[in-house]
């Protein structure tokens, strides 16, 4: 491991948190441009929800292997080069999506997920290196707001470009923005501060890190919270656009819905105040309860219909509150000397959810059950996560 927490945060530039926030916002815009377009293109190219699920699961399996080894990679080369690898993966994924071939699509899904995972791991490490525990909720709130702005614009803009300019336009714009993202990251020069010194601990192998992570009670709970939240988001971003189109609505409605859902992150300051008042544990518990009830009602509605969009939205409202505080249990509970090793395991929630959610859908559809059975499973898992969250310390 190359870096450890600075001794005094006072020597760091005062706008360090702002730099992390802006970087997250730009990454969100770059990635969100494709969120409304890719599922519809996948349905068109692959022909069914089951085939789409299998393609996403294959891409997630590829990414999981990379994520578990990010710590060892970060141990061997400078963090800035690992981040560069992630952003270049995002650039390559955008271009591969243009290629009308199933193998290219699967690789593109894997590269995009790799980019998201790499960015998530390293930004988490930068936050823990540079930001005091008392400021975590404020920073995460601000970061989610700017990220929400990117996701508010991206899905609708991407579908508008695909429908009114050219199918490849959102992918080319995403590739161009990834170049800007890389340039801004290098301009920030996070690793140039002389207060950061070499750490004495090592990352270790994934085979040792995974058991070590799950042997710690609060890290297990943090993982369940983040993983279950992500299961829902994968289901929404992959299947909600398809649901909307199958309900008889236009493509632009799907893009508008995803932008609306992303815009919920703009309520982050309100969620932060709520967390300050009732505690992170209570916010997470109530958020999962809303997801569980909404997904159960959506499942009971059966075939896609316009009314179902309302319950996709209410579930998203519940999940967005968890987004804003969901990483805080891990950040506050992980031991400083284990940050890199545990962060690489923790961040597999992204790949595991991207693998498990479409795999569950593929299994459900493969045995002939209706799609509502998959929605019921998500509801049950959300209810279980609400119960597990109550085992966190009361005033987290």
Protein backbone atom coordinates (compact mmCIF):
# COMPACT_ATOMS: atom_id res chain seq x y z
CA UNK A 1 0.00 0.00 0.00
CA UNK A 2 1.45 3.35 -0.99
CA UNK A 3 -0.55 5.85 1.01
CA UNK A 4 -1.87 6.30 4.49
CA UNK A 5 -3.99 8.91 6.17
CA UNK A 6 -2.21 12.28 6.56
CA UNK A 7 -1.22 13.22 10.11
CA UNK A 8 -2.80 16.67 9.84
CA UNK A 9 -5.51 17.62 7.43
CA UNK A 10 -4.72 21.27 7.97
CA UNK A 11 -1.88 21.19 5.46
CA UNK A 12 -4.14 20.05 2.63
CA UNK A 13 -5.60 22.63 0.24
CA UNK A 14 -9.01 23.76 1.45
CA UNK A 15 -10.62 22.90 -1.89
CA UNK A 16 -9.53 19.24 -1.80
CA UNK A 17 -13.10 18.16 -0.99
CA UNK A 18 -14.41 20.34 -3.81
CA UNK A 19 -11.99 18.69 -6.22
CA UNK A 20 -13.21 15.23 -5.24
CA UNK A 21 -16.81 16.41 -5.58
CA UNK A 22 -16.30 17.90 -9.05
CA UNK A 23 -14.44 14.82 -10.20
CA UNK A 24 -17.37 12.64 -9.09
CA UNK A 25 -19.84 14.90 -10.88
CA UNK A 26 -17.93 14.74 -14.16
CA UNK A 27 -17.58 10.96 -13.90
CA UNK A 28 -21.32 10.69 -13.25
CA UNK A 29 -22.16 12.69 -16.38
CA UNK A 30 -19.70 10.70 -18.49
CA UNK A 31 -21.16 7.36 -17.44
CA UNK A 32 -24.83 8.37 -17.25
CA UNK A 33 -24.96 9.41 -20.91
CA UNK A 34 -25.18 5.73 -21.78
CA UNK A 35 -27.54 4.51 -19.06
CA UNK A 36 -30.76 5.06 -20.99
CA UNK A 37 -29.33 4.06 -24.37
CA UNK A 38 -27.45 0.84 -23.58
CA UNK A 39 -30.40 -1.25 -22.24
CA UNK A 40 -32.56 -0.40 -25.25
CA UNK A 41 -29.73 -1.14 -27.68
CA UNK A 42 -29.11 -4.39 -25.82
CA UNK A 43 -32.77 -5.40 -26.14
CA UNK A 44 -32.67 -4.59 -29.86
CA UNK A 45 -29.44 -6.50 -30.50
CA UNK A 46 -30.01 -9.46 -28.18
CA UNK A 47 -33.76 -9.86 -28.60
CA UNK A 48 -34.99 -10.62 -25.06
CA UNK A 49 -34.71 -9.60 -21.41
CA UNK A 50 -33.17 -12.98 -20.62
CA UNK A 51 -30.38 -12.45 -23.18
CA UNK A 52 -29.80 -8.92 -21.89
CA UNK A 53 -29.51 -10.31 -18.35
CA UNK A 54 -26.94 -12.89 -19.46
CA UNK A 55 -24.83 -10.27 -21.24
CA UNK A 56 -24.77 -8.00 -18.19
CA UNK A 57 -23.92 -10.93 -15.91
CA UNK A 58 -21.00 -11.97 -18.13
CA UNK A 59 -19.63 -8.43 -18.13
CA UNK A 60 -19.93 -8.23 -14.33
CA UNK A 61 -18.06 -11.52 -13.86
CA UNK A 62 -15.15 -10.12 -15.86
CA UNK A 63 -15.07 -6.98 -13.75
CA UNK A 64 -15.20 -8.83 -10.42
CA UNK A 65 -11.82 -10.45 -11.10
CA UNK A 66 -10.29 -7.04 -11.77
CA UNK A 67 -11.82 -5.34 -8.73
CA UNK A 68 -10.58 -7.94 -6.26
CA UNK A 69 -7.04 -7.30 -7.49
CA UNK A 70 -7.17 -3.50 -7.52
CA UNK A 71 -5.48 -3.38 -4.11
CA UNK A 72 -2.52 -5.40 -5.32
CA UNK A 73 -2.31 -3.24 -8.43
CA UNK A 74 -2.39 -0.10 -6.29
CA UNK A 75 0.38 -1.58 -4.17
CA UNK A 76 2.65 -2.03 -7.18
CA UNK A 77 2.04 1.15 -9.17
CA UNK A 78 1.11 4.70 -8.19
CA UNK A 79 -2.57 5.31 -7.50
CA UNK A 80 -2.77 7.91 -10.25
CA UNK A 81 -1.95 5.25 -12.84
CA UNK A 82 -4.63 2.91 -11.48
CA UNK A 83 -7.16 5.74 -11.80
CA UNK A 84 -5.90 6.39 -15.33
CA UNK A 85 -6.51 2.72 -16.15
CA UNK A 86 -10.09 3.05 -14.93
CA UNK A 87 -10.85 6.18 -16.93
CA UNK A 88 -9.27 4.73 -20.08
CA UNK A 89 -11.54 1.69 -19.59
CA UNK A 90 -14.53 4.05 -19.65
CA UNK A 91 -13.25 5.58 -22.88
CA UNK A 92 -12.78 2.16 -24.49
CA UNK A 93 -16.23 0.96 -23.37
CA UNK A 94 -17.95 3.95 -24.99
CA UNK A 95 -16.32 3.17 -28.33
CA UNK A 96 -16.97 -0.58 -28.13
CA UNK A 97 -20.70 -0.02 -27.61
CA UNK A 98 -20.81 1.41 -31.14
CA UNK A 99 -19.72 -1.95 -32.57
CA UNK A 100 -22.78 -4.02 -33.52
CA UNK A 101 -21.54 -7.37 -32.18
CA UNK A 102 -22.49 -9.34 -29.07
CA UNK A 103 -18.87 -10.03 -27.91
CA UNK A 104 -18.05 -6.31 -28.21
CA UNK A 105 -21.17 -5.48 -26.18
CA UNK A 106 -20.21 -7.90 -23.38
CA UNK A 107 -16.65 -6.53 -23.22
CA UNK A 108 -18.00 -2.97 -23.23
CA UNK A 109 -20.31 -3.77 -20.29
CA UNK A 110 -17.33 -5.26 -18.45
CA UNK A 111 -15.06 -2.28 -19.17
CA UNK A 112 -17.70 0.24 -18.14
CA UNK A 113 -18.24 -1.64 -14.89
CA UNK A 114 -14.46 -1.87 -14.38
CA UNK A 115 -14.19 1.90 -14.81
CA UNK A 116 -16.98 2.52 -12.32
CA UNK A 117 -15.47 0.13 -9.79
CA UNK A 118 -11.95 1.54 -10.12
CA UNK A 119 -13.24 5.08 -9.72
CA UNK A 120 -15.36 4.10 -6.71
CA UNK A 121 -12.47 2.34 -4.93
CA UNK A 122 -9.97 5.13 -5.46
CA UNK A 123 -12.32 8.00 -4.65
CA UNK A 124 -13.22 6.17 -1.43
CA UNK A 125 -9.52 5.94 -0.59
CA UNK A 126 -8.93 9.62 -1.36
CA UNK A 127 -11.89 10.58 0.84
CA UNK A 128 -10.56 8.49 3.74
CA UNK A 129 -7.04 9.89 3.23
CA UNK A 130 -8.02 13.55 3.04
CA UNK A 131 -11.35 14.01 4.84
CA UNK A 132 -11.92 13.83 8.60
CA UNK A 133 -14.65 11.53 9.95
CA UNK A 134 -16.68 14.51 11.16
CA UNK A 135 -16.85 15.83 7.60
CA UNK A 136 -17.75 12.55 5.86
CA UNK A 137 -21.51 13.10 5.81
CA UNK A 138 -21.15 16.66 4.49
CA UNK A 139 -18.71 15.62 1.74
CA UNK A 140 -20.77 12.61 0.68
CA UNK A 141 -23.86 14.82 0.56
CA UNK A 142 -22.14 17.42 -1.63
CA UNK A 143 -20.63 14.72 -3.81
CA UNK A 144 -24.03 13.10 -4.36
CA UNK A 145 -25.59 16.45 -5.28
CA UNK A 146 -23.07 17.14 -8.04
CA UNK A 147 -23.19 13.50 -9.12
CA UNK A 148 -26.97 13.85 -9.24
CA UNK A 149 -26.68 16.85 -11.56
CA UNK A 150 -24.64 14.72 -13.96
CA UNK A 151 -27.13 11.87 -13.80
CA UNK A 152 -30.04 14.29 -14.15
CA UNK A 153 -28.68 15.47 -17.50
CA UNK A 154 -27.02 12.32 -18.84
CA UNK A 155 -29.73 9.70 -19.56
CA UNK A 156 -32.13 12.11 -21.32
CA UNK A 157 -29.35 13.78 -23.27
CA UNK A 158 -27.98 10.40 -24.34
CA UNK A 159 -31.34 9.17 -25.66
CA UNK A 160 -32.05 12.51 -27.35
CA UNK A 161 -28.70 12.34 -29.15
CA UNK A 162 -29.30 8.73 -30.18
CA UNK A 163 -32.79 9.50 -31.55
CA UNK A 164 -32.16 12.92 -33.11
CA UNK A 165 -28.49 13.01 -34.10
CA UNK A 166 -27.04 9.53 -34.51
CA UNK A 167 -27.08 6.28 -32.55
CA UNK A 168 -23.35 6.61 -31.97
CA UNK A 169 -23.53 10.25 -30.76
CA UNK A 170 -23.95 9.57 -27.00
CA UNK A 171 -21.09 7.09 -27.08
CA UNK A 172 -18.77 9.52 -28.85
CA UNK A 173 -19.70 12.28 -26.40
CA UNK A 174 -19.08 9.93 -23.46
CA UNK A 175 -15.66 9.04 -24.90
CA UNK A 176 -14.83 12.75 -25.25
CA UNK A 177 -15.92 13.50 -21.68
CA UNK A 178 -13.80 10.63 -20.38
CA UNK A 179 -10.77 12.38 -21.88
CA UNK A 180 -11.80 15.57 -20.02
CA UNK A 181 -12.25 13.50 -16.84
CA UNK A 182 -8.73 12.14 -17.13
CA UNK A 183 -7.28 15.58 -17.77
CA UNK A 184 -9.07 17.07 -14.75
CA UNK A 185 -7.94 14.23 -12.50
CA UNK A 186 -4.29 14.78 -13.43
CA UNK A 187 -4.73 18.53 -12.99
CA UNK A 188 -5.91 17.99 -9.40
CA UNK A 189 -2.59 16.27 -8.54
CA UNK A 190 -3.90 14.58 -5.39
CA UNK A 191 -0.61 12.75 -4.87
CA UNK A 192 1.60 15.82 -5.02
CA UNK A 193 1.05 16.80 -1.38
CA UNK A 194 4.24 16.19 0.58
CA UNK A 195 2.23 15.31 3.69
CA UNK A 196 1.42 11.92 2.12
CA UNK A 197 4.07 9.34 2.89
CA UNK A 198 4.73 5.68 2.39
CA UNK A 199 2.67 3.29 4.47
CA UNK A 200 4.16 0.26 6.19
CA UNK A 201 1.32 -2.21 5.75
CA UNK A 202 0.71 -4.36 2.71
CA UNK A 203 -2.46 -5.13 0.84
CA UNK A 204 -2.23 -8.90 0.75
CA UNK A 205 -4.02 -11.28 -1.59
CA UNK A 206 -7.77 -11.31 -2.25
CA UNK A 207 -7.95 -14.83 -0.80
CA UNK A 208 -6.87 -13.39 2.57
CA UNK A 209 -8.67 -10.07 2.33
CA UNK A 210 -12.14 -11.48 1.68
CA UNK A 211 -12.26 -13.68 4.83
CA UNK A 212 -10.72 -10.85 6.86
CA UNK A 213 -13.38 -8.42 5.63
CA UNK A 214 -16.35 -10.68 6.36
CA UNK A 215 -15.00 -11.67 9.77
CA UNK A 216 -15.76 -8.12 10.96
CA UNK A 217 -19.39 -7.64 11.96
CA UNK A 218 -19.87 -4.01 10.97
CA UNK A 219 -18.05 -4.42 7.67
CA UNK A 220 -20.40 -7.32 6.86
CA UNK A 221 -23.38 -5.11 7.61
CA UNK A 222 -21.92 -2.26 5.53
CA UNK A 223 -21.52 -4.66 2.61
CA UNK A 224 -25.08 -6.02 2.88
CA UNK A 225 -26.44 -2.46 2.86
CA UNK A 226 -24.47 -1.35 -0.17
CA UNK A 227 -24.86 -4.60 -2.10
CA UNK A 228 -28.64 -4.76 -1.64
CA UNK A 229 -29.05 -1.10 -2.55
CA UNK A 230 -27.03 -1.74 -5.70
CA UNK A 231 -29.13 -4.81 -6.59
CA UNK A 232 -32.13 -2.53 -6.82
CA UNK A 233 -30.29 0.11 -8.88
CA UNK A 234 -29.07 -2.51 -11.36
CA UNK A 235 -32.63 -3.77 -11.72
CA UNK A 236 -33.89 -0.23 -12.26
CA UNK A 237 -31.27 0.94 -14.76
CA UNK A 238 -31.36 -2.27 -16.79
CA UNK A 239 -35.06 -3.14 -16.69
CA UNK A 240 -36.99 0.07 -15.98
CA UNK A 241 -36.30 1.50 -19.48
CA UNK A 242 -37.44 -1.82 -20.98
CA UNK A 243 -40.49 -1.84 -18.66
CA UNK A 244 -41.45 1.67 -19.79
CA UNK A 245 -41.19 0.80 -23.49
CA UNK A 246 -43.14 -2.45 -22.97
CA UNK A 247 -45.82 -0.39 -21.18
CA UNK A 248 -46.39 1.38 -24.51
CA UNK A 249 -44.49 4.62 -23.86
CA UNK A 250 -41.83 6.25 -26.03
CA UNK A 251 -38.06 5.92 -25.65
CA UNK A 252 -37.74 9.52 -24.49
CA UNK A 253 -39.99 8.74 -21.52
CA UNK A 254 -37.49 6.10 -20.42
CA UNK A 255 -34.67 8.65 -20.64
CA UNK A 256 -36.71 11.25 -18.80
CA UNK A 257 -37.54 8.76 -16.07
CA UNK A 258 -33.87 7.87 -15.53
CA UNK A 259 -32.97 11.56 -15.38
CA UNK A 260 -35.77 12.16 -12.87
CA UNK A 261 -34.54 9.28 -10.72
CA UNK A 262 -30.97 10.57 -10.87
CA UNK A 263 -32.20 14.02 -9.90
CA UNK A 264 -33.32 12.58 -6.55
CA UNK A 265 -29.69 12.85 -5.46
CA UNK A 266 -30.17 16.63 -5.42
CA UNK A 267 -32.10 16.07 -2.20
CA UNK A 268 -28.86 14.95 -0.54
CA UNK A 269 -28.67 17.98 1.81
CA UNK A 270 -32.12 17.11 3.19
CA UNK A 271 -31.08 13.50 3.72
CA UNK A 272 -27.89 14.66 5.43
CA UNK A 273 -29.92 16.78 7.86
CA UNK A 274 -32.25 13.85 8.48
CA UNK A 275 -29.26 11.59 9.18
CA UNK A 276 -27.87 14.18 11.60
CA UNK A 277 -31.23 14.20 13.39
CA UNK A 278 -32.25 10.53 13.53
CA UNK A 279 -28.99 8.77 12.67
CA UNK A 280 -27.62 6.95 9.63
CA UNK A 281 -29.02 3.63 10.82
CA UNK A 282 -32.60 4.91 10.83
CA UNK A 283 -32.26 6.52 7.39
CA UNK A 284 -30.97 3.25 5.90
CA UNK A 285 -33.71 1.20 7.57
CA UNK A 286 -36.52 3.44 6.34
CA UNK A 287 -35.04 3.69 2.86
CA UNK A 288 -34.99 -0.09 2.44
CA UNK A 289 -38.54 -0.34 3.80
CA UNK A 290 -39.75 2.01 1.05
CA UNK A 291 -37.88 0.00 -1.60
CA UNK A 292 -39.36 -3.28 -0.33
CA UNK A 293 -42.97 -2.07 -0.30
CA UNK A 294 -42.69 -0.35 -3.69
CA UNK A 295 -41.15 -3.35 -5.44
CA UNK A 296 -43.73 -5.69 -3.94
CA UNK A 297 -46.60 -3.52 -5.22
CA UNK A 298 -44.89 -3.32 -8.62
CA UNK A 299 -44.70 -7.11 -8.71
CA UNK A 300 -48.39 -7.42 -7.82
CA UNK A 301 -49.31 -5.18 -10.77
CA UNK A 302 -48.07 -7.93 -13.11
CA UNK A 303 -47.53 -6.99 -16.76
CA UNK A 304 -45.88 -3.62 -17.55
CA UNK A 305 -48.32 -0.73 -17.28
CA UNK A 306 -48.06 3.01 -16.89
CA UNK A 307 -49.06 2.92 -13.21
CA UNK A 308 -46.01 0.76 -12.48
CA UNK A 309 -43.70 3.69 -13.22
CA UNK A 310 -44.98 5.35 -10.04
CA UNK A 311 -43.70 2.46 -7.94
CA UNK A 312 -40.37 2.33 -9.75
CA UNK A 313 -40.11 5.99 -8.73
CA UNK A 314 -41.07 5.52 -5.07
CA UNK A 315 -38.57 2.66 -4.79
CA UNK A 316 -35.92 4.94 -6.28
CA UNK A 317 -36.75 7.61 -3.68
CA UNK A 318 -36.08 5.10 -0.92
CA UNK A 319 -32.85 3.87 -2.52
CA UNK A 320 -31.56 7.40 -3.15
CA UNK A 321 -31.68 8.18 0.58
CA UNK A 322 -29.50 5.11 1.19
CA UNK A 323 -27.10 6.26 -1.56
CA UNK A 324 -26.29 9.42 0.33
CA UNK A 325 -25.33 7.72 3.61
CA UNK A 326 -24.77 4.13 2.48
CA UNK A 327 -20.95 4.24 2.32
CA UNK A 328 -20.55 5.96 5.70
CA UNK A 329 -20.77 2.75 7.82
CA UNK A 330 -17.77 1.33 5.96
CA UNK A 331 -15.76 4.57 6.04
CA UNK A 332 -16.26 4.98 9.78
CA UNK A 333 -15.80 1.34 10.76
CA UNK A 334 -12.78 0.26 8.68
CA UNK A 335 -9.41 0.28 10.43
CA UNK A 336 -6.95 2.84 8.96
CA UNK A 337 -4.20 0.27 8.36
CA UNK A 338 -6.63 -1.90 6.35
CA UNK A 339 -8.19 0.77 4.19
CA UNK A 340 -6.85 -0.28 0.79
CA UNK A 341 -7.27 -4.01 1.39
CA UNK A 342 -10.80 -3.69 2.78
CA UNK A 343 -11.85 -1.04 0.23
CA UNK A 344 -11.06 -3.40 -2.64
CA UNK A 345 -13.30 -6.06 -1.08
CA UNK A 346 -16.02 -3.59 -0.13
CA UNK A 347 -16.12 -2.15 -3.64
CA UNK A 348 -17.01 -5.54 -5.12
CA UNK A 349 -20.61 -4.66 -4.19
CA UNK A 350 -20.78 -3.02 -7.59
CA UNK A 351 -19.68 -6.10 -9.54
CA UNK A 352 -21.56 -8.54 -7.34
CA UNK A 353 -24.80 -6.60 -7.76
CA UNK A 354 -24.18 -6.23 -11.50
CA UNK A 355 -23.67 -10.00 -11.63
CA UNK A 356 -26.37 -11.19 -9.23
CA UNK A 357 -29.23 -8.91 -10.30
CA UNK A 358 -29.28 -9.86 -14.02
CA UNK A 359 -28.41 -13.46 -13.13
CA UNK A 360 -31.46 -13.66 -10.88
CA UNK A 361 -33.58 -12.19 -13.66
CA UNK A 362 -32.16 -14.65 -16.18
CA UNK A 363 -32.87 -17.60 -13.86
CA UNK A 364 -36.41 -16.43 -13.14
CA UNK A 365 -37.22 -15.95 -16.81
CA UNK A 366 -35.31 -19.09 -17.78
CA UNK A 367 -37.54 -21.36 -15.70
CA UNK A 368 -40.67 -19.75 -17.11
CA UNK A 369 -41.65 -17.54 -14.19
CA UNK A 370 -43.02 -14.05 -14.86
CA UNK A 371 -40.78 -11.00 -14.44
CA UNK A 372 -42.84 -10.06 -11.38
CA UNK A 373 -41.17 -12.96 -9.54
CA UNK A 374 -37.82 -11.20 -9.95
CA UNK A 375 -39.31 -7.99 -8.56
CA UNK A 376 -40.63 -9.95 -5.58
CA UNK A 377 -37.14 -11.29 -4.86
CA UNK A 378 -35.75 -7.73 -4.86
CA UNK A 379 -38.50 -6.70 -2.43
CA UNK A 380 -37.67 -9.56 -0.06
CA UNK A 381 -33.94 -8.76 -0.12
CA UNK A 382 -34.65 -5.07 0.58
CA UNK A 383 -36.80 -6.02 3.57
CA UNK A 384 -33.99 -8.26 4.86
CA UNK A 385 -31.48 -5.42 4.47
CA UNK A 386 -33.76 -3.11 6.46
CA UNK A 387 -33.62 -5.57 9.34
CA UNK A 388 -29.85 -6.05 9.10
CA UNK A 389 -29.28 -2.28 9.11
CA UNK A 390 -30.78 -2.09 12.59
CA UNK A 391 -27.68 -3.89 13.91
CA UNK A 392 -25.53 -0.83 13.21
CA UNK A 393 -24.63 1.43 16.14
CA UNK A 394 -27.56 3.73 16.93
CA UNK A 395 -25.64 6.99 16.46
CA UNK A 396 -23.40 6.09 13.54
